[in-house]
Structures are given as C-alpha cells and as structure tokens.
PDB file of N, CA and C in Angstrom:
ATOM      1  N   MET A   1     169.856 233.766  18.170  1.00  0.00           N
ATOM      2  CA  MET A   1     170.977 233.089  18.526  1.00  0.00           C
ATOM      3  C   MET A   1     171.038 232.862  19.939  1.00  0.00           C
ATOM      4  N   ALA A   2     171.476 231.715  20.498  1.00  0.00           N
ATOM      5  CA  ALA A   2     171.498 231.237  21.813  1.00  0.00           C
ATOM      6  C   ALA A   2     172.529 231.982  22.602  1.00  0.00           C
ATOM      7  N   SER A   3     172.293 232.045  23.888  1.00  0.00           N
ATOM      8  CA  SER A   3     173.293 232.811  24.678  1.00  0.00           C
ATOM      9  C   SER A   3     174.496 231.750  24.915  1.00  0.00           C
ATOM     10  N   PRO A   4     175.609 232.485  25.264  1.00  0.00           N
ATOM     11  CA  PRO A   4     176.870 231.575  25.612  1.00  0.00           C
ATOM     12  C   PRO A   4     176.577 230.582  26.746  1.00  0.00           C
ATOM     13  N   ALA A   5     176.001 230.956  27.746  1.00  0.00           N
ATOM     14  CA  ALA A   5     175.653 230.103  28.860  1.00  0.00           C
ATOM     15  C   ALA A   5     174.873 229.003  28.580  1.00  0.00           C
ATOM     16  N   LYS A   6     173.922 229.182  27.684  1.00  0.00           N
ATOM     17  CA  LYS A   6     172.980 228.086  27.284  1.00  0.00           C
ATOM     18  C   LYS A   6     173.844 227.063  26.475  1.00  0.00           C
ATOM     19  N   ASN A   7     174.621 227.508  25.510  1.00  0.00           N
ATOM     20  CA  ASN A   7     175.386 226.653  24.739  1.00  0.00           C
ATOM     21  C   ASN A   7     176.279 225.809  25.448  1.00  0.00           C
ATOM     22  N   VAL A   8     176.934 226.513  26.399  1.00  0.00           N
ATOM     23  CA  VAL A   8     177.850 225.815  27.363  1.00  0.00           C
ATOM     24  C   VAL A   8     177.331 224.643  28.105  1.00  0.00           C
ATOM     25  N   SER A   9     176.024 225.092  28.796  1.00  0.00           N
ATOM     26  CA  SER A   9     175.317 224.212  29.668  1.00  0.00           C
ATOM     27  C   SER A   9     174.882 222.888  28.828  1.00  0.00           C
ATOM     28  N   GLU A  10     174.181 223.273  27.653  1.00  0.00           N
ATOM     29  CA  GLU A  10     173.726 222.222  26.693  1.00  0.00           C
ATOM     30  C   GLU A  10     174.846 221.237  26.280  1.00  0.00           C
ATOM     31  N   GLY A  11     175.987 221.800  25.853  1.00  0.00           N
ATOM     32  CA  GLY A  11     177.165 221.176  25.460  1.00  0.00           C
ATOM     33  C   GLY A  11     177.569 220.141  26.464  1.00  0.00           C
ATOM     34  N   ALA A  12     177.708 220.551  27.720  1.00  0.00           N
ATOM     35  CA  ALA A  12     178.304 219.834  28.764  1.00  0.00           C
ATOM     36  C   ALA A  12     177.385 218.867  29.070  1.00  0.00           C
ATOM     37  N   ILE A  13     175.988 219.029  29.095  1.00  0.00           N
ATOM     38  CA  ILE A  13     174.965 217.849  29.406  1.00  0.00           C
ATOM     39  C   ILE A  13     175.062 216.823  28.187  1.00  0.00           C
ATOM     40  N   CYS A  14     175.175 217.332  26.962  1.00  0.00           N
ATOM     41  CA  CYS A  14     175.206 216.289  25.743  1.00  0.00           C
ATOM     42  C   CYS A  14     176.498 215.480  26.066  1.00  0.00           C
ATOM     43  N   PHE A  15     177.567 216.216  26.364  1.00  0.00           N
ATOM     44  CA  PHE A  15     178.861 215.316  26.456  1.00  0.00           C
ATOM     45  C   PHE A  15     178.764 214.387  27.570  1.00  0.00           C
ATOM     46  N   VAL A  16     178.183 214.777  28.689  1.00  0.00           N
ATOM     47  CA  VAL A  16     178.089 213.801  29.822  1.00  0.00           C
ATOM     48  C   VAL A  16     177.221 212.601  29.502  1.00  0.00           C
ATOM     49  N   ILE A  17     176.083 212.814  28.868  1.00  0.00           N
ATOM     50  CA  ILE A  17     175.198 211.819  28.338  1.00  0.00           C
ATOM     51  C   ILE A  17     175.844 210.813  27.437  1.00  0.00           C
ATOM     52  N   GLY A  18     176.656 211.459  26.462  1.00  0.00           N
ATOM     53  CA  GLY A  18     177.391 210.621  25.510  1.00  0.00           C
ATOM     54  C   GLY A  18     178.348 209.918  26.163  1.00  0.00           C
ATOM     55  N   LEU A  19     179.133 210.309  27.112  1.00  0.00           N
ATOM     56  CA  LEU A  19     180.130 209.741  27.940  1.00  0.00           C
ATOM     57  C   LEU A  19     179.595 208.692  28.673  1.00  0.00           C
ATOM     58  N   ALA A  20     178.401 208.738  29.295  1.00  0.00           N
ATOM     59  CA  ALA A  20     177.685 207.670  29.994  1.00  0.00           C
ATOM     60  C   ALA A  20     177.393 206.607  29.106  1.00  0.00           C
ATOM     61  N   LEU A  21     176.864 206.976  27.813  1.00  0.00           N
ATOM     62  CA  LEU A  21     176.507 205.781  26.923  1.00  0.00           C
ATOM     63  C   LEU A  21     177.780 205.176  26.349  1.00  0.00           C
ATOM     64  N   ARG A  22     178.753 205.790  26.175  1.00  0.00           N
ATOM     65  CA  ARG A  22     179.999 205.252  25.792  1.00  0.00           C
ATOM     66  C   ARG A  22     180.477 204.301  26.765  1.00  0.00           C
ATOM     67  N   LEU A  23     180.531 204.607  28.045  1.00  0.00           N
ATOM     68  CA  LEU A  23     181.215 203.839  29.160  1.00  0.00           C
ATOM     69  C   LEU A  23     180.292 202.606  29.578  1.00  0.00           C
ATOM     70  N   PHE A  24     179.000 202.832  29.672  1.00  0.00           N
ATOM     71  CA  PHE A  24     178.104 201.836  30.145  1.00  0.00           C
ATOM     72  C   PHE A  24     177.219 201.007  29.365  1.00  0.00           C
ATOM     73  N   THR A  25     177.215 201.095  28.070  1.00  0.00           N
ATOM     74  CA  THR A  25     176.283 200.392  27.273  1.00  0.00           C
ATOM     75  C   THR A  25     176.961 199.457  26.310  1.00  0.00           C
ATOM     76  N   GLU A  26     178.080 198.846  26.541  1.00  0.00           N
ATOM     77  CA  GLU A  26     178.825 197.956  25.812  1.00  0.00           C
ATOM     78  C   GLU A  26     178.225 196.703  25.462  1.00  0.00           C
ATOM     79  N   ASP A  27     177.346 196.206  26.536  1.00  0.00           N
ATOM     80  CA  ASP A  27     176.778 194.973  26.507  1.00  0.00           C
ATOM     81  C   ASP A  27     175.334 195.094  25.847  1.00  0.00           C
ATOM     82  N   VAL A  28     174.751 196.361  25.612  1.00  0.00           N
ATOM     83  CA  VAL A  28     173.540 196.424  25.017  1.00  0.00           C
ATOM     84  C   VAL A  28     173.714 196.313  23.506  1.00  0.00           C
ATOM     85  N   HIS A  29     172.750 195.557  23.061  1.00  0.00           N
ATOM     86  CA  HIS A  29     172.679 195.245  21.510  1.00  0.00           C
ATOM     87  C   HIS A  29     171.275 195.548  21.052  1.00  0.00           C
ATOM     88  N   ILE A  30     171.163 196.661  20.087  1.00  0.00           N
ATOM     89  CA  ILE A  30     169.997 196.798  19.501  1.00  0.00           C
ATOM     90  C   ILE A  30     170.266 196.618  17.943  1.00  0.00           C
ATOM     91  N   PRO A  31     169.169 196.418  17.059  1.00  0.00           N
ATOM     92  CA  PRO A  31     169.347 196.001  15.664  1.00  0.00           C
ATOM     93  C   PRO A  31     170.074 196.949  14.726  1.00  0.00           C
ATOM     94  N   VAL A  32     169.606 198.188  14.997  1.00  0.00           N
ATOM     95  CA  VAL A  32     170.169 199.338  13.975  1.00  0.00           C
ATOM     96  C   VAL A  32     171.518 199.808  14.260  1.00  0.00           C
ATOM     97  N   PHE A  33     171.919 200.215  15.393  1.00  0.00           N
ATOM     98  CA  PHE A  33     173.235 200.748  15.815  1.00  0.00           C
ATOM     99  C   PHE A  33     173.506 200.526  17.036  1.00  0.00           C
ATOM    100  N   THR A  34     174.854 200.763  17.583  1.00  0.00           N
ATOM    101  CA  THR A  34     175.202 200.495  18.850  1.00  0.00           C
ATOM    102  C   THR A  34     175.083 201.583  19.655  1.00  0.00           C
ATOM    103  N   LEU A  35     174.736 201.535  20.800  1.00  0.00           N
ATOM    104  CA  LEU A  35     174.638 202.624  21.856  1.00  0.00           C
ATOM    105  C   LEU A  35     176.019 203.394  22.066  1.00  0.00           C
ATOM    106  N   THR A  36     177.180 202.483  22.022  1.00  0.00           N
ATOM    107  CA  THR A  36     178.401 203.249  22.092  1.00  0.00           C
ATOM    108  C   THR A  36     178.925 204.195  21.136  1.00  0.00           C
ATOM    109  N   LYS A  37     178.446 203.877  19.813  1.00  0.00           N
ATOM    110  CA  LYS A  37     178.728 204.813  18.719  1.00  0.00           C
ATOM    111  C   LYS A  37     177.887 206.034  18.949  1.00  0.00           C
ATOM    112  N   VAL A  38     176.565 205.830  19.442  1.00  0.00           N
ATOM    113  CA  VAL A  38     175.863 207.005  19.592  1.00  0.00           C
ATOM    114  C   VAL A  38     176.484 207.775  20.679  1.00  0.00           C
ATOM    115  N   GLY A  39     177.008 207.268  21.731  1.00  0.00           N
ATOM    116  CA  GLY A  39     177.672 208.099  22.675  1.00  0.00           C
ATOM    117  C   GLY A  39     178.693 208.797  22.186  1.00  0.00           C
ATOM    118  N   VAL A  40     179.603 208.269  21.135  1.00  0.00           N
ATOM    119  CA  VAL A  40     180.643 209.056  20.710  1.00  0.00           C
ATOM    120  C   VAL A  40     180.299 210.178  19.898  1.00  0.00           C
ATOM    121  N   VAL A  41     179.127 209.987  19.178  1.00  0.00           N
ATOM    122  CA  VAL A  41     178.572 211.072  18.390  1.00  0.00           C
ATOM    123  C   VAL A  41     178.088 212.174  19.410  1.00  0.00           C
ATOM    124  N   LEU A  42     177.207 211.710  20.415  1.00  0.00           N
ATOM    125  CA  LEU A  42     176.933 212.828  21.317  1.00  0.00           C
ATOM    126  C   LEU A  42     177.960 213.621  21.956  1.00  0.00           C
ATOM    127  N   MET A  43     179.026 212.955  22.188  1.00  0.00           N
ATOM    128  CA  MET A  43     180.266 213.364  23.013  1.00  0.00           C
ATOM    129  C   MET A  43     180.789 214.593  21.872  1.00  0.00           C
ATOM    130  N   ALA A  44     180.833 214.115  20.611  1.00  0.00           N
ATOM    131  CA  ALA A  44     181.448 215.151  19.638  1.00  0.00           C
ATOM    132  C   ALA A  44     180.533 216.254  19.485  1.00  0.00           C
ATOM    133  N   ILE A  45     179.171 216.057  19.421  1.00  0.00           N
ATOM    134  CA  ILE A  45     178.350 217.292  19.227  1.00  0.00           C
ATOM    135  C   ILE A  45     178.310 218.111  20.501  1.00  0.00           C
ATOM    136  N   GLY A  46     178.415 217.516  21.628  1.00  0.00           N
ATOM    137  CA  GLY A  46     178.457 218.196  22.836  1.00  0.00           C
ATOM    138  C   GLY A  46     179.800 219.048  23.033  1.00  0.00           C
ATOM    139  N   GLY A  47     180.875 218.356  22.580  1.00  0.00           N
ATOM    140  CA  GLY A  47     182.115 219.215  22.625  1.00  0.00           C
ATOM    141  C   GLY A  47     182.155 220.300  21.790  1.00  0.00           C
ATOM    142  N   ILE A  48     181.613 220.141  20.540  1.00  0.00           N
ATOM    143  CA  ILE A  48     181.522 221.256  19.573  1.00  0.00           C
ATOM    144  C   ILE A  48     180.667 222.362  20.135  1.00  0.00           C
ATOM    145  N   GLN A  49     179.584 221.946  20.786  1.00  0.00           N
ATOM    146  CA  GLN A  49     178.538 223.041  21.191  1.00  0.00           C
ATOM    147  C   GLN A  49     179.202 223.654  22.466  1.00  0.00           C
ATOM    148  N   LEU A  50     180.122 222.932  23.323  1.00  0.00           N
ATOM    149  CA  LEU A  50     180.522 223.652  24.402  1.00  0.00           C
ATOM    150  C   LEU A  50     181.811 224.546  23.843  1.00  0.00           C
ATOM    151  N   LEU A  51     182.520 224.111  22.915  1.00  0.00           N
ATOM    152  CA  LEU A  51     183.507 225.075  22.518  1.00  0.00           C
ATOM    153  C   LEU A  51     182.940 226.419  21.679  1.00  0.00           C
ATOM    154  N   TYR A  52     181.832 226.127  21.175  1.00  0.00           N
ATOM    155  CA  TYR A  52     181.112 227.292  20.487  1.00  0.00           C
ATOM    156  C   TYR A  52     180.662 228.340  21.646  1.00  0.00           C
ATOM    157  N   GLY A  53     180.251 227.628  22.715  1.00  0.00           N
ATOM    158  CA  GLY A  53     179.612 228.644  23.751  1.00  0.00           C
ATOM    159  C   GLY A  53     180.838 229.320  24.345  1.00  0.00           C
ATOM    160  N   VAL A  54     182.013 228.664  24.516  1.00  0.00           N
ATOM    161  CA  VAL A  54     183.224 229.301  25.053  1.00  0.00           C
ATOM    162  C   VAL A  54     183.505 230.466  24.190  1.00  0.00           C
ATOM    163  N   TYR A  55     183.622 230.131  22.874  1.00  0.00           N
ATOM    164  CA  TYR A  55     183.984 231.092  21.833  1.00  0.00           C
ATOM    165  C   TYR A  55     183.120 232.379  21.836  1.00  0.00           C
ATOM    166  N   GLN A  56     181.730 232.139  21.985  1.00  0.00           N
ATOM    167  CA  GLN A  56     180.876 233.201  22.096  1.00  0.00           C
ATOM    168  C   GLN A  56     181.133 234.127  23.272  1.00  0.00           C
ATOM    169  N   SER A  57     181.385 233.442  24.538  1.00  0.00           N
ATOM    170  CA  SER A  57     181.616 234.263  25.597  1.00  0.00           C
ATOM    171  C   SER A  57     182.913 235.148  25.467  1.00  0.00           C
ATOM    172  N   VAL A  58     183.952 234.404  24.883  1.00  0.00           N
ATOM    173  CA  VAL A  58     185.252 235.238  24.762  1.00  0.00           C
ATOM    174  C   VAL A  58     185.096 236.367  23.831  1.00  0.00           C
ATOM    175  N   SER A  59     184.274 236.157  22.612  1.00  0.00           N
ATOM    176  CA  SER A  59     184.080 237.231  21.711  1.00  0.00           C
ATOM    177  C   SER A  59     183.244 238.267  22.318  1.00  0.00           C
ATOM    178  N   ASN A  60     182.238 238.117  23.127  1.00  0.00           N
ATOM    179  CA  ASN A  60     181.425 238.988  23.753  1.00  0.00           C
ATOM    180  C   ASN A  60     182.233 239.872  24.666  1.00  0.00           C
ATOM    181  N   ARG A  61     183.273 239.246  25.308  1.00  0.00           N
ATOM    182  CA  ARG A  61     184.199 240.155  26.371  1.00  0.00           C
ATOM    183  C   ARG A  61     184.985 241.028  25.512  1.00  0.00           C
ATOM    184  N   ASN A  62     185.275 240.646  24.241  1.00  0.00           N
ATOM    185  CA  ASN A  62     186.265 241.481  23.449  1.00  0.00           C
ATOM    186  C   ASN A  62     185.447 242.752  22.745  1.00  0.00           C
ATOM    187  N   GLY A  63     184.334 242.987  23.266  1.00  0.00           N
ATOM    188  CA  GLY A  63     183.542 244.118  22.680  1.00  0.00           C
ATOM    189  C   GLY A  63     182.668 243.811  21.526  1.00  0.00           C
ATOM    190  N   LYS A  64     182.644 242.694  20.967  1.00  0.00           N
ATOM    191  CA  LYS A  64     181.850 242.361  19.848  1.00  0.00           C
ATOM    192  C   LYS A  64     180.443 241.894  20.471  1.00  0.00           C
ATOM    193  N   THR A  65     179.402 242.341  19.715  1.00  0.00           N
ATOM    194  CA  THR A  65     178.103 242.017  19.961  1.00  0.00           C
ATOM    195  C   THR A  65     177.344 240.997  18.979  1.00  0.00           C
ATOM    196  N   SER A  66     176.738 240.123  19.448  1.00  0.00           N
ATOM    197  CA  SER A  66     176.049 239.176  18.476  1.00  0.00           C
ATOM    198  C   SER A  66     174.752 239.860  18.060  1.00  0.00           C
ATOM    199  N   SER A  67     174.200 239.655  16.845  1.00  0.00           N
ATOM    200  CA  SER A  67     173.066 240.235  16.415  1.00  0.00           C
ATOM    201  C   SER A  67     172.166 239.121  15.917  1.00  0.00           C
TER     202      SER A  67
END
C-alpha cells in the first residue's frame, strides 16, 4: 500500500495536469476523444487519489496502522 504522502503528491500532480488540459486544450482536436474531457477525467482521478491520501494520513494519526 502506498504511503499517504505519495498518494497526496500523485493526486495533486494528476489534478494539476488535468486542470491544465481542461483549460488550455479547447482548440486541439484529435479524432478519438477531446483533451478537455481527458482533463476532466484526470481531475476526477487526481481528486479521488488526493482525498484518499488525506484519509490515510488522518486514519494513521488516530492510531490505526495500515497493513
């Protein structure tokens, strides 16, 4: 299981990349999918991973250990 700090940092990086795709690739057209939709998906995945890392760090402070 990954450490909470790793999940938080990976989630934040994924969210920022998704946000950049969402904001700056509206005019880019590729045949299969739009990069703005990929950005939204990356933002969602990054947000979930970020929240999971925060949850892990809070649960570790309360005396629970991950195995």
